Amino acid sequence: MKDLIPLDKYATWKSEQLNVPVLRLTSHPRDYLSFGNLCEGVLALGQTGSGKSSALKTLANALMSQGYGWFGLTAKPGDVIDQLQWAFDADRIIYDEETGEVSGGVYILGSHPDDFTPYTITGKDGKPLELKIRDSQINFFEAEMSKPQSGQHGKYDPIERILNVVMTVAAATAVLQRKSGSGGGDDFWVRTSNMLLNSLLTIIYSATQQLDIGDIYKMLISLPKKPEDVTDGNSEWKNSYCAQFLKQHETRLQLQSATERNVKESISYCLSEFPAIAPQTGSSIVAVLGSVLDNLRRDPLYTLMCSKKTTVAPETIRQGNIFICGLSIKTHNELAQIAGILYKRTFQRVLERTLVGRGAVIWADEAQNFLTPDDCGFQETARSSRTIAIYITQNFPTLCKGMGGGDGGKQSAMALSGNLVNSLFFLNKDPETNNWAADIIGKDFRTIKNRGTSNTHMGGVSAGSSMSYNQQNEHILMPITFTRLKSGTTLNKLLVEAVFYRCGHRFSNGKPFLKAVFHQGHMGRMEKIERFLRRILGMDDYVHGA
């Protein structure tokens, strides 16, 4: 494993360390991105085939080489291999050279911790190398419940932490429903759901000193439907799980209620206030929350996040550990999206409250699948938490849809993009994206020269000319620019172009933007054959892979 900067060097983070260069955009000494620049966020937009993923490997390799902690999301199965390759190239993986078994440095978050999973990457000698990695687990309930009750951030509240976990899943589900057009956000729904879950968690934790997803689910679906269910001695509710749970732990809850106001209020809310809500509204809230909790009760989420012991603490990302989500959307669909969103939010919270240690990276290709409105709030303070968030997607409409769609989704996308200071625009045919990119780069007045001439052949009048100047407010960079960028392949000599924009910065060209050029890598065997065929056959319109 590559020698990294000792952890104690990061114990007191100094401002000058934010100025360490990470990536050079051109050969000019002023055209670079520092760690502090990148902590202000990166948004990369480019159509499919624009070369953005291959070009951004340059940035990924630079970040891996710096030894930062890493959390990577995966939309496609191949994303895991890509991130493992970057980690290997940066000497970040500890493995046995004879067996290929990985023992540290990188952790795949998956649901099969008992068996080694083989991953084939390219070794230092250019030959295939098979790495064997056991899946790692982060049991969110266990991890949150096992934390100390007090610390540098004040008294720890396990109920609040578990509530955050469940509501993160609820928010993810709500966003996914809005994306598919099957639901919508509602402040009343959010507030009521929060109060109900908070009350249930308070009751269960006060009675048992632990929280289990099964208990929470069974308590939720067996709540009284109306206040009379509690007062009527012959009510069927008396035989429900909720009623039996309260009866079994009655003595302890009474003692807790005498000293803890929250317990008394929580019992009152569940047995009196919530059942008094309109039956249709109350049953809808229970049904939606029940479906959210049911996702956590089913595989792969249950095995991945709730059933097994935590094998690696998320806080170790500050020690330079690399975490990769092993569930891809192409194979696990909506459950993988929920898992990715929950993991992302968990690491965001960890990085916000754990400031000692290395800087960290959150990497999201196909980011539209993992975005929620919470990302806007996180990005507002990402620099102070020394976290680099990199979101990669196709175009601005896709970004809006990823934030929930509709006017609300567009507003959230605008808010998020506004907090991502660094923008990379690759080849794109989407007019909304190109106009939006040109708009944020800005407009300026340009002097337009108009020249006219006149010739009169009749009446003996001689030829004349005139010249006028006027100013027009036009885009500094015209939208058509983004349709003419190179997209790699041998047709473009493996060069990928992108317009890099950073508000308030001045590059060597005196402007806040420049054209960055990335090389896709050395030509492989097929590329050499393609170039040979183009030369001898004159196949100027030949495109590799067409």
Protein backbone atom coordinates (compact mmCIF):
# COMPACT_ATOMS: atom_id res chain seq x y z
CA MET A 1 0.00 0.00 0.00
CA LYS A 2 1.26 3.45 -0.87
CA ASP A 3 2.77 5.45 2.02
CA LEU A 4 0.24 8.08 3.00
CA ILE A 5 0.57 11.22 5.08
CA PRO A 6 0.44 10.17 8.77
CA LEU A 7 -2.98 10.62 10.31
CA ASP A 8 -1.69 12.92 13.06
CA LYS A 9 -0.70 15.45 10.40
CA TYR A 10 -4.41 16.04 9.90
CA ALA A 11 -5.27 16.34 13.59
CA THR A 12 -5.31 20.14 13.35
CA TRP A 13 -6.28 21.05 9.81
CA LYS A 14 -4.54 24.19 8.63
CA SER A 15 -5.88 26.55 6.00
CA GLU A 16 -2.75 26.25 3.87
CA GLN A 17 -3.42 22.55 3.42
CA LEU A 18 -6.57 23.49 1.53
CA ASN A 19 -4.30 25.05 -1.10
CA VAL A 20 -2.46 21.83 -1.97
CA PRO A 21 -2.75 21.31 -5.77
CA VAL A 22 -4.65 18.15 -6.70
CA LEU A 23 -5.30 18.40 -10.45
CA ARG A 24 -3.68 20.55 -13.17
CA LEU A 25 -5.96 21.56 -16.02
CA THR A 26 -3.23 22.88 -18.33
CA SER A 27 0.55 23.24 -18.19
CA HIS A 28 0.24 26.81 -16.93
CA PRO A 29 1.05 27.10 -13.19
CA ARG A 30 -2.18 29.03 -12.50
CA ASP A 31 -4.47 26.44 -14.06
CA TYR A 32 -4.91 23.95 -11.25
CA LEU A 33 -7.50 22.83 -8.73
CA SER A 34 -6.58 22.69 -5.06
CA PHE A 35 -8.11 20.50 -2.38
CA GLY A 36 -10.00 23.51 -1.07
CA ASN A 37 -11.34 24.31 -4.56
CA LEU A 38 -12.64 20.77 -4.95
CA CYS A 39 -14.25 20.80 -1.49
CA GLU A 40 -16.63 23.37 -2.93
CA GLY A 41 -18.12 20.64 -5.11
CA VAL A 42 -17.92 19.41 -8.70
CA LEU A 43 -20.77 18.99 -11.19
CA ALA A 44 -19.97 17.27 -14.50
CA LEU A 45 -22.52 17.19 -17.33
CA GLY A 46 -22.12 15.40 -20.65
CA GLN A 47 -24.23 13.27 -22.95
CA THR A 48 -23.70 9.53 -23.26
CA GLY A 49 -20.53 8.98 -25.27
CA SER A 50 -19.12 12.43 -24.52
CA GLY A 51 -16.10 10.90 -22.82
CA LYS A 52 -16.90 12.33 -19.39
CA SER A 53 -16.46 9.08 -17.46
CA SER A 54 -13.12 8.24 -19.05
CA ALA A 55 -11.91 11.85 -18.77
CA LEU A 56 -12.82 12.07 -15.09
CA LYS A 57 -10.60 9.08 -14.37
CA THR A 58 -7.85 11.69 -14.36
CA LEU A 59 -9.53 13.43 -11.43
CA ALA A 60 -10.29 10.12 -9.69
CA ASN A 61 -6.67 8.97 -9.97
CA ALA A 62 -5.45 12.32 -8.60
CA LEU A 63 -7.77 12.05 -5.59
CA MET A 64 -6.86 8.42 -4.95
CA SER A 65 -3.16 9.29 -5.09
CA GLN A 66 -3.62 11.95 -2.39
CA GLY A 67 -4.77 9.32 0.11
CA TYR A 68 -8.19 10.81 0.81
CA GLY A 69 -11.00 8.68 2.18
CA TRP A 70 -13.48 7.59 -0.46
CA PHE A 71 -17.13 6.60 -0.75
CA GLY A 72 -18.23 5.59 -4.23
CA LEU A 73 -21.75 4.92 -5.48
CA THR A 74 -22.43 2.45 -8.29
CA ALA A 75 -25.14 2.60 -10.93
CA LYS A 76 -23.66 -0.13 -13.17
CA PRO A 77 -21.91 -3.39 -12.18
CA GLY A 78 -18.75 -2.19 -13.94
CA ASP A 79 -18.51 0.84 -11.64
CA VAL A 80 -17.13 -1.35 -8.85
CA ILE A 81 -14.34 -2.61 -11.13
CA ASP A 82 -13.51 0.95 -12.24
CA GLN A 83 -13.15 2.22 -8.68
CA LEU A 84 -11.11 -0.81 -7.65
CA GLN A 85 -8.81 -0.16 -10.60
CA TRP A 86 -8.29 3.46 -9.53
CA ALA A 87 -7.51 2.35 -5.98
CA PHE A 88 -5.08 -0.30 -7.22
CA ASP A 89 -3.28 2.11 -9.54
CA ALA A 90 -2.81 4.46 -6.57
CA ASP A 91 -1.43 1.62 -4.38
CA ARG A 92 -4.35 1.90 -1.97
CA ILE A 93 -5.22 -1.82 -1.74
CA ILE A 94 -3.61 -4.26 0.71
CA TYR A 95 -3.72 -7.76 -0.77
CA ASP A 96 -1.91 -11.10 -0.84
CA GLU A 97 0.03 -11.33 -4.11
CA GLU A 98 -0.26 -15.14 -4.18
CA THR A 99 -3.97 -15.57 -3.42
CA GLY A 100 -5.29 -12.14 -4.42
CA GLU A 101 -7.20 -11.89 -1.13
CA VAL A 102 -7.71 -8.27 -0.05
CA SER A 103 -7.12 -7.61 3.64
CA GLY A 104 -7.56 -3.86 3.91
CA GLY A 105 -7.66 -0.45 2.34
CA VAL A 106 -10.83 -1.01 0.32
CA TYR A 107 -14.25 -2.30 1.41
CA ILE A 108 -17.16 -3.40 -0.77
CA LEU A 109 -20.49 -2.80 0.97
CA GLY A 110 -22.46 -5.91 0.06
CA SER A 111 -24.57 -8.71 1.50
CA HIS A 112 -22.17 -11.69 1.28
CA PRO A 113 -19.58 -11.28 4.07
CA ASP A 114 -18.85 -14.99 4.43
CA ASP A 115 -17.51 -15.59 0.93
CA PHE A 116 -14.81 -14.00 -1.20
CA THR A 117 -16.09 -12.32 -4.36
CA PRO A 118 -13.61 -12.19 -7.27
CA TYR A 119 -13.04 -8.92 -9.14
CA THR A 120 -10.78 -8.86 -12.21
CA ILE A 121 -8.77 -5.69 -12.79
CA THR A 122 -5.57 -4.91 -14.71
CA GLY A 123 -2.33 -5.50 -12.81
CA LYS A 124 0.85 -3.45 -12.90
CA ASP A 125 2.20 -5.71 -15.66
CA GLY A 126 -0.85 -5.10 -17.87
CA LYS A 127 -2.20 -8.60 -17.30
CA PRO A 128 -5.53 -9.49 -15.66
CA LEU A 129 -5.35 -9.60 -11.86
CA GLU A 130 -8.06 -11.26 -9.78
CA LEU A 131 -8.73 -9.65 -6.41
CA LYS A 132 -10.83 -11.53 -3.87
CA ILE A 133 -12.81 -9.34 -1.51
CA ARG A 134 -15.26 -10.21 1.24
CA ASP A 135 -18.32 -7.97 1.39
CA SER A 136 -18.45 -5.61 4.36
CA GLN A 137 -21.52 -4.51 6.30
CA ILE A 138 -22.56 -1.36 8.08
CA ASN A 139 -25.50 -2.25 10.32
CA PHE A 140 -27.00 1.19 10.75
CA PHE A 141 -29.03 0.32 13.84
CA GLU A 142 -26.09 -1.34 15.58
CA ALA A 143 -23.63 1.37 14.55
CA GLU A 144 -25.85 4.19 15.82
CA MET A 145 -26.85 2.41 19.03
CA SER A 146 -23.27 1.51 19.96
CA LYS A 147 -21.97 5.08 19.96
CA PRO A 148 -21.00 6.69 23.28
CA GLN A 149 -23.71 8.62 25.07
CA SER A 150 -21.63 11.78 25.22
CA GLY A 151 -18.66 13.31 23.46
CA GLN A 152 -17.26 16.40 21.90
CA HIS A 153 -20.51 17.10 20.07
CA GLY A 154 -22.68 16.99 23.21
CA LYS A 155 -25.07 14.38 24.51
CA TYR A 156 -25.81 11.61 22.06
CA ASP A 157 -29.47 10.79 21.39
CA PRO A 158 -29.86 7.27 19.90
CA ILE A 159 -33.52 7.88 19.11
CA GLU A 160 -32.68 10.90 16.99
CA ARG A 161 -29.98 8.94 15.13
CA ILE A 162 -32.28 6.01 14.34
CA LEU A 163 -35.05 8.42 13.37
CA ASN A 164 -32.64 9.98 10.88
CA VAL A 165 -31.90 6.55 9.39
CA VAL A 166 -35.57 5.66 8.93
CA MET A 167 -36.54 9.11 7.65
CA THR A 168 -33.66 9.00 5.17
CA VAL A 169 -35.19 5.84 3.72
CA ALA A 170 -38.62 7.51 3.80
CA ALA A 171 -37.26 10.55 1.96
CA ALA A 172 -35.53 8.32 -0.59
CA THR A 173 -38.76 6.44 -1.22
CA ALA A 174 -40.70 9.69 -1.57
CA VAL A 175 -38.18 11.06 -4.07
CA LEU A 176 -38.33 7.84 -6.09
CA GLN A 177 -42.13 8.05 -6.13
CA ARG A 178 -41.99 11.64 -7.38
CA LYS A 179 -39.50 10.62 -10.07
CA SER A 180 -41.94 8.03 -11.37
CA GLY A 181 -44.90 10.38 -11.00
CA SER A 182 -46.62 8.22 -8.37
CA GLY A 183 -46.48 10.58 -5.40
CA GLY A 184 -45.51 13.94 -4.05
CA GLY A 185 -43.99 15.70 -1.10
CA ASP A 186 -46.16 17.17 1.64
CA ASP A 187 -44.96 19.13 4.66
CA PHE A 188 -47.85 17.83 6.78
CA TRP A 189 -46.98 14.26 5.86
CA VAL A 190 -43.32 14.79 6.73
CA ARG A 191 -44.06 16.44 10.09
CA THR A 192 -46.66 13.88 11.12
CA SER A 193 -44.49 10.95 10.06
CA ASN A 194 -41.59 12.41 12.02
CA MET A 195 -43.69 12.81 15.16
CA LEU A 196 -45.15 9.32 14.88
CA LEU A 197 -41.81 7.60 14.33
CA ASN A 198 -40.16 9.64 17.07
CA SER A 199 -42.89 8.59 19.50
CA LEU A 200 -42.67 4.92 18.54
CA LEU A 201 -38.88 4.90 18.87
CA THR A 202 -39.06 6.62 22.26
CA ILE A 203 -41.54 4.04 23.59
CA ILE A 204 -39.63 1.01 22.28
CA TYR A 205 -36.22 2.26 23.41
CA SER A 206 -37.50 3.26 26.85
CA ALA A 207 -39.05 -0.18 27.32
CA THR A 208 -36.26 -2.39 25.94
CA GLN A 209 -33.12 -0.19 25.71
CA GLN A 210 -32.72 -1.33 22.12
CA LEU A 211 -34.29 -0.74 18.73
CA ASP A 212 -35.17 -3.40 16.20
CA ILE A 213 -36.67 -2.85 12.77
CA GLY A 214 -39.15 -5.69 13.37
CA ASP A 215 -40.49 -4.15 16.60
CA ILE A 216 -40.85 -0.74 14.98
CA TYR A 217 -42.79 -2.20 12.04
CA LYS A 218 -45.12 -4.31 14.21
CA MET A 219 -45.83 -1.40 16.56
CA LEU A 220 -46.62 0.87 13.62
CA ILE A 221 -49.13 -1.40 11.88
CA SER A 222 -50.91 -2.29 15.15
CA LEU A 223 -51.53 1.26 16.41
CA PRO A 224 -55.12 2.04 17.44
CA LYS A 225 -57.21 3.32 14.56
CA LYS A 226 -59.33 5.62 16.75
CA PRO A 227 -59.20 6.83 20.39
CA GLU A 228 -62.11 4.59 21.36
CA ASP A 229 -59.99 1.50 20.67
CA VAL A 230 -57.91 2.37 23.73
CA THR A 231 -60.76 3.18 26.10
CA ASP A 232 -63.14 0.38 25.05
CA GLY A 233 -62.40 -2.68 27.16
CA ASN A 234 -63.88 -4.99 24.53
CA SER A 235 -61.93 -3.55 21.63
CA GLU A 236 -60.10 -5.95 19.31
CA TRP A 237 -57.09 -3.65 19.57
CA LYS A 238 -56.49 -4.97 23.11
CA ASN A 239 -55.11 -8.16 21.49
CA SER A 240 -52.82 -6.32 19.07
CA TYR A 241 -49.03 -6.34 19.21
CA CYS A 242 -48.98 -2.69 20.24
CA ALA A 243 -51.37 -3.21 23.17
CA GLN A 244 -49.54 -6.33 24.34
CA PHE A 245 -46.17 -4.58 24.11
CA LEU A 246 -47.40 -1.68 26.24
CA LYS A 247 -48.91 -4.07 28.77
CA GLN A 248 -45.76 -6.19 28.97
CA HIS A 249 -43.55 -3.16 29.62
CA GLU A 250 -46.12 -1.14 31.56
CA THR A 251 -44.14 -0.94 34.81
CA ARG A 252 -40.95 0.23 33.18
CA LEU A 253 -42.77 2.76 31.00
CA GLN A 254 -44.57 4.19 34.03
CA LEU A 255 -41.26 4.67 35.83
CA GLN A 256 -39.77 6.27 32.71
CA SER A 257 -42.81 8.53 32.32
CA ALA A 258 -42.35 9.84 35.85
CA THR A 259 -38.85 11.12 35.05
CA GLU A 260 -38.85 11.50 31.27
CA ARG A 261 -41.46 13.84 29.83
CA ASN A 262 -40.74 12.56 26.30
CA VAL A 263 -41.95 9.05 27.21
CA LYS A 264 -45.26 10.31 28.58
CA GLU A 265 -45.82 12.56 25.58
CA SER A 266 -44.93 9.78 23.15
CA ILE A 267 -47.44 7.37 24.68
CA SER A 268 -50.10 10.08 24.61
CA TYR A 269 -49.40 10.85 20.95
CA CYS A 270 -49.60 7.21 19.82
CA LEU A 271 -52.72 6.35 21.84
CA SER A 272 -54.68 9.62 21.69
CA GLU A 273 -53.47 12.28 19.28
CA PHE A 274 -52.54 10.23 16.22
CA PRO A 275 -55.69 8.04 16.29
CA ALA A 276 -57.74 11.26 16.38
CA ILE A 277 -56.42 12.24 12.93
CA ALA A 278 -58.89 11.69 10.09
CA PRO A 279 -59.03 7.93 9.49
CA GLN A 280 -58.11 8.14 5.81
CA THR A 281 -55.14 10.44 6.52
CA GLY A 282 -53.89 8.35 9.43
CA SER A 283 -54.16 5.06 7.57
CA SER A 284 -52.34 6.57 4.57
CA ILE A 285 -49.43 7.69 6.76
CA VAL A 286 -49.22 4.26 8.39
CA ALA A 287 -49.36 2.56 4.99
CA VAL A 288 -46.57 4.70 3.51
CA LEU A 289 -44.33 4.39 6.57
CA GLY A 290 -45.09 0.68 6.68
CA SER A 291 -43.87 0.28 3.10
CA VAL A 292 -40.70 2.22 4.00
CA LEU A 293 -39.98 0.00 7.00
CA ASP A 294 -40.90 -3.06 4.97
CA ASN A 295 -38.07 -2.22 2.55
CA LEU A 296 -35.65 -2.47 5.47
CA ARG A 297 -37.16 -5.81 6.51
CA ARG A 298 -36.53 -7.40 3.13
CA ASP A 299 -33.37 -8.53 1.36
CA PRO A 300 -31.02 -7.27 0.18
CA LEU A 301 -31.48 -4.24 2.47
CA TYR A 302 -32.16 -6.27 5.62
CA THR A 303 -29.10 -8.50 5.20
CA LEU A 304 -27.00 -5.58 4.07
CA MET A 305 -27.96 -3.02 6.69
CA CYS A 306 -29.97 -4.46 9.57
CA SER A 307 -29.28 -8.11 10.34
CA LYS A 308 -25.53 -8.70 10.54
CA LYS A 309 -22.85 -7.13 12.68
CA THR A 310 -21.02 -4.04 11.45
CA THR A 311 -17.68 -5.22 10.06
CA VAL A 312 -16.13 -1.83 9.34
CA ALA A 313 -17.03 1.50 10.93
CA PRO A 314 -17.96 4.30 8.50
CA GLU A 315 -15.85 6.69 10.63
CA THR A 316 -12.72 4.99 9.28
CA ILE A 317 -13.21 6.90 6.04
CA ARG A 318 -11.26 9.62 7.88
CA GLN A 319 -8.35 7.15 8.10
CA GLY A 320 -8.20 6.92 4.31
CA ASN A 321 -10.36 3.82 3.86
CA ILE A 322 -12.13 3.33 0.53
CA PHE A 323 -15.80 2.28 0.57
CA ILE A 324 -17.65 1.18 -2.57
CA CYS A 325 -21.37 0.41 -2.65
CA GLY A 326 -21.69 -3.14 -4.00
CA LEU A 327 -25.33 -2.87 -5.06
CA SER A 328 -25.78 -1.50 -8.57
CA ILE A 329 -29.05 -0.10 -9.85
CA LYS A 330 -28.88 -2.22 -13.00
CA THR A 331 -29.07 -5.39 -10.90
CA HIS A 332 -31.11 -4.37 -7.83
CA ASN A 333 -33.24 -1.49 -9.17
CA GLU A 334 -35.06 0.64 -6.57
CA LEU A 335 -33.58 -1.17 -3.57
CA ALA A 336 -30.10 -0.29 -4.79
CA GLN A 337 -31.17 3.36 -5.07
CA ILE A 338 -32.47 3.34 -1.51
CA ALA A 339 -29.28 1.65 -0.29
CA GLY A 340 -27.10 4.14 -2.14
CA ILE A 341 -29.02 7.13 -0.80
CA LEU A 342 -28.92 5.75 2.74
CA TYR A 343 -25.19 5.01 2.56
CA LYS A 344 -24.52 8.45 1.10
CA ARG A 345 -26.47 10.21 3.82
CA THR A 346 -24.74 8.11 6.49
CA PHE A 347 -21.27 9.05 5.26
CA GLN A 348 -22.33 12.68 4.95
CA ARG A 349 -23.38 12.71 8.61
CA VAL A 350 -20.18 10.94 9.64
CA LEU A 351 -18.03 13.47 7.79
CA GLU A 352 -19.95 16.40 9.26
CA ARG A 353 -19.44 15.27 12.85
CA THR A 354 -15.98 13.68 12.52
CA LEU A 355 -13.50 16.39 11.58
CA VAL A 356 -10.20 14.82 12.69
CA GLY A 357 -8.47 12.82 9.98
CA ARG A 358 -8.03 12.88 6.22
CA GLY A 359 -10.17 14.68 3.71
CA ALA A 360 -12.79 12.57 1.96
CA VAL A 361 -14.47 12.12 -1.43
CA ILE A 362 -18.07 11.24 -2.30
CA TRP A 363 -18.12 10.02 -5.91
CA ALA A 364 -21.41 9.57 -7.77
CA ASP A 365 -21.46 8.71 -11.46
CA GLU A 366 -25.03 8.65 -12.82
CA ALA A 367 -25.70 10.89 -9.81
CA GLN A 368 -29.33 11.52 -10.73
CA ASN A 369 -30.13 8.12 -9.20
CA PHE A 370 -28.85 9.06 -5.74
CA LEU A 371 -29.72 12.72 -5.25
CA THR A 372 -32.12 14.08 -2.64
CA PRO A 373 -32.84 17.64 -1.44
CA ASP A 374 -30.65 16.86 1.62
CA ASP A 375 -27.59 17.13 -0.63
CA CYS A 376 -28.13 20.88 -0.92
CA GLY A 377 -27.78 21.32 2.83
CA PHE A 378 -24.71 19.12 3.02
CA GLN A 379 -22.96 20.97 0.22
CA GLU A 380 -23.42 24.29 1.99
CA THR A 381 -20.85 23.22 4.62
CA ALA A 382 -18.83 20.63 2.67
CA ARG A 383 -15.71 22.80 2.68
CA SER A 384 -15.64 23.02 6.47
CA SER A 385 -16.04 19.23 6.70
CA ARG A 386 -13.25 18.82 4.10
CA THR A 387 -15.37 16.68 1.80
CA ILE A 388 -15.21 16.65 -2.00
CA ALA A 389 -18.58 15.83 -3.58
CA ILE A 390 -18.45 14.91 -7.27
CA TYR A 391 -21.75 14.45 -9.11
CA ILE A 392 -21.72 13.23 -12.72
CA THR A 393 -24.81 13.07 -14.93
CA GLN A 394 -25.98 13.64 -18.51
CA ASN A 395 -27.77 17.00 -18.59
CA PHE A 396 -29.69 19.55 -16.56
CA PRO A 397 -33.18 18.02 -17.14
CA THR A 398 -31.84 14.70 -15.85
CA LEU A 399 -30.51 16.50 -12.77
CA CYS A 400 -33.94 18.05 -12.17
CA LYS A 401 -35.64 14.69 -12.48
CA GLY A 402 -33.12 13.21 -10.07
CA MET A 403 -34.16 15.80 -7.48
CA GLY A 404 -37.81 14.76 -7.72
CA GLY A 405 -39.01 16.35 -10.96
CA GLY A 406 -41.51 19.17 -11.44
CA ASP A 407 -41.00 22.71 -10.22
CA GLY A 408 -39.76 21.51 -6.84
CA GLY A 409 -37.19 19.26 -8.46
CA LYS A 410 -35.97 22.07 -10.69
CA GLN A 411 -35.61 24.43 -7.74
CA SER A 412 -33.68 21.80 -5.79
CA ALA A 413 -31.45 21.16 -8.81
CA MET A 414 -30.78 24.90 -9.14
CA ALA A 415 -29.96 25.12 -5.44
CA LEU A 416 -27.59 22.14 -5.60
CA SER A 417 -25.83 23.32 -8.76
CA GLY A 418 -25.44 26.74 -7.20
CA ASN A 419 -23.56 25.17 -4.29
CA LEU A 420 -21.33 23.10 -6.59
CA VAL A 421 -18.81 25.79 -7.45
CA ASN A 422 -16.83 23.80 -10.05
CA SER A 423 -18.60 22.85 -13.28
CA LEU A 424 -17.41 20.65 -16.12
CA PHE A 425 -19.39 20.76 -19.37
CA PHE A 426 -18.65 18.01 -21.88
CA LEU A 427 -20.13 17.45 -25.34
CA ASN A 428 -23.90 17.86 -25.14
CA LYS A 429 -26.78 18.10 -27.60
CA ASP A 430 -29.41 19.09 -25.02
CA PRO A 431 -30.36 22.73 -25.73
CA GLU A 432 -31.61 23.42 -22.19
CA THR A 433 -28.29 22.28 -20.73
CA ASN A 434 -26.22 24.24 -23.24
CA ASN A 435 -28.23 27.43 -22.74
CA TRP A 436 -28.11 26.98 -18.97
CA ALA A 437 -24.32 26.51 -19.11
CA ALA A 438 -23.93 29.62 -21.27
CA ASP A 439 -26.18 31.56 -18.89
CA ILE A 440 -24.22 30.72 -15.74
CA ILE A 441 -20.92 31.58 -17.45
CA GLY A 442 -22.57 34.90 -18.16
CA LYS A 443 -23.05 37.61 -20.73
CA ASP A 444 -21.06 40.70 -21.61
CA PHE A 445 -21.34 43.63 -23.99
CA ARG A 446 -19.65 43.19 -27.33
CA THR A 447 -18.96 45.89 -29.85
CA ILE A 448 -20.41 44.99 -33.23
CA LYS A 449 -19.05 46.73 -36.32
CA ASN A 450 -21.43 47.23 -39.23
CA ARG A 451 -20.13 48.33 -42.58
CA GLY A 452 -22.20 49.27 -45.59
CA THR A 453 -21.43 50.28 -49.16
CA SER A 454 -23.49 51.88 -51.91
CA ASN A 455 -22.90 52.22 -55.64
CA THR A 456 -24.94 54.38 -57.99
CA HIS A 457 -24.41 53.90 -61.69
CA MET A 458 -27.18 56.17 -62.86
CA GLY A 459 -26.94 59.96 -62.60
CA GLY A 460 -23.17 60.00 -62.21
CA VAL A 461 -23.17 59.48 -58.40
CA SER A 462 -19.96 57.92 -57.11
CA ALA A 463 -19.74 54.85 -54.84
CA GLY A 464 -19.89 55.41 -51.06
CA SER A 465 -19.44 53.49 -47.83
CA SER A 466 -20.50 53.84 -44.19
CA MET A 467 -19.48 52.23 -40.88
CA SER A 468 -21.29 52.09 -37.54
CA TYR A 469 -20.66 50.54 -34.12
CA ASN A 470 -23.15 49.31 -31.57
CA GLN A 471 -23.00 47.19 -28.42
CA GLN A 472 -24.92 43.99 -27.84
CA ASN A 473 -25.25 41.97 -24.63
CA GLU A 474 -24.33 38.41 -25.69
CA HIS A 475 -23.18 35.18 -24.10
CA ILE A 476 -19.47 35.16 -23.36
CA LEU A 477 -19.49 31.54 -24.48
CA MET A 478 -22.16 30.69 -27.03
CA PRO A 479 -24.34 27.59 -26.45
CA ILE A 480 -23.19 26.08 -29.75
CA THR A 481 -19.71 25.71 -28.22
CA PHE A 482 -20.88 22.71 -26.19
CA THR A 483 -21.99 20.85 -29.32
CA ARG A 484 -18.49 21.04 -30.85
CA LEU A 485 -16.36 19.59 -28.04
CA LYS A 486 -14.24 16.52 -28.74
CA SER A 487 -15.52 13.27 -27.24
CA GLY A 488 -12.53 10.98 -27.37
CA THR A 489 -12.09 7.82 -29.51
CA THR A 490 -9.44 7.60 -32.21
CA LEU A 491 -11.56 9.91 -34.38
CA ASN A 492 -10.45 12.67 -32.00
CA LYS A 493 -7.02 11.16 -31.28
CA LEU A 494 -8.35 9.96 -27.90
CA LEU A 495 -8.79 13.56 -26.74
CA VAL A 496 -11.80 14.63 -24.66
CA GLU A 497 -12.60 18.32 -24.29
CA ALA A 498 -14.60 20.00 -21.56
CA VAL A 499 -15.32 23.57 -20.60
CA PHE A 500 -14.31 24.03 -16.97
CA TYR A 501 -16.00 26.89 -15.14
CA ARG A 502 -15.28 28.19 -11.65
CA CYS A 503 -17.10 31.33 -10.55
CA GLY A 504 -14.86 34.11 -9.28
CA HIS A 505 -11.62 32.45 -10.43
CA ARG A 506 -9.18 33.74 -13.03
CA PHE A 507 -7.28 31.20 -15.06
CA SER A 508 -4.26 31.90 -17.23
CA ASN A 509 -6.55 33.18 -20.00
CA GLY A 510 -7.88 35.87 -17.64
CA LYS A 511 -11.35 34.31 -17.56
CA PRO A 512 -13.28 32.16 -15.05
CA PHE A 513 -13.45 29.30 -17.57
CA LEU A 514 -11.12 27.43 -19.88
CA LYS A 515 -11.17 24.49 -22.23
CA ALA A 516 -9.62 21.47 -20.50
CA VAL A 517 -8.30 18.58 -22.58
CA PHE A 518 -8.16 15.03 -21.22
CA HIS A 519 -6.48 12.02 -22.83
CA GLN A 520 -8.38 8.76 -22.73
CA GLY A 521 -5.17 6.74 -22.45
CA HIS A 522 -2.77 4.84 -24.63
CA MET A 523 -4.11 3.25 -27.77
CA GLY A 524 -5.01 -0.40 -27.39
CA ARG A 525 -4.80 -3.08 -30.03
CA MET A 526 -8.28 -2.41 -31.48
CA GLU A 527 -7.62 1.33 -31.70
CA LYS A 528 -4.39 0.70 -33.61
CA ILE A 529 -6.24 -1.58 -36.04
CA GLU A 530 -8.91 1.10 -36.47
CA ARG A 531 -6.33 3.76 -37.28
CA PHE A 532 -4.65 1.41 -39.79
CA LEU A 533 -7.99 0.73 -41.55
CA ARG A 534 -8.82 4.42 -41.69
CA ARG A 535 -5.45 5.22 -43.26
CA ILE A 536 -5.39 2.56 -45.98
CA LEU A 537 -9.11 2.52 -46.82
CA GLY A 538 -9.82 6.23 -46.52
CA MET A 539 -12.66 5.54 -44.09
CA ASP A 540 -13.01 9.12 -42.91
CA ASP A 541 -16.51 8.49 -41.64
CA TYR A 542 -15.56 5.30 -39.81
CA VAL A 543 -16.39 5.43 -36.10
CA HIS A 544 -15.19 2.78 -33.66
CA GLY A 545 -18.06 0.74 -32.29
CA ALA A 546 -20.58 1.95 -34.85
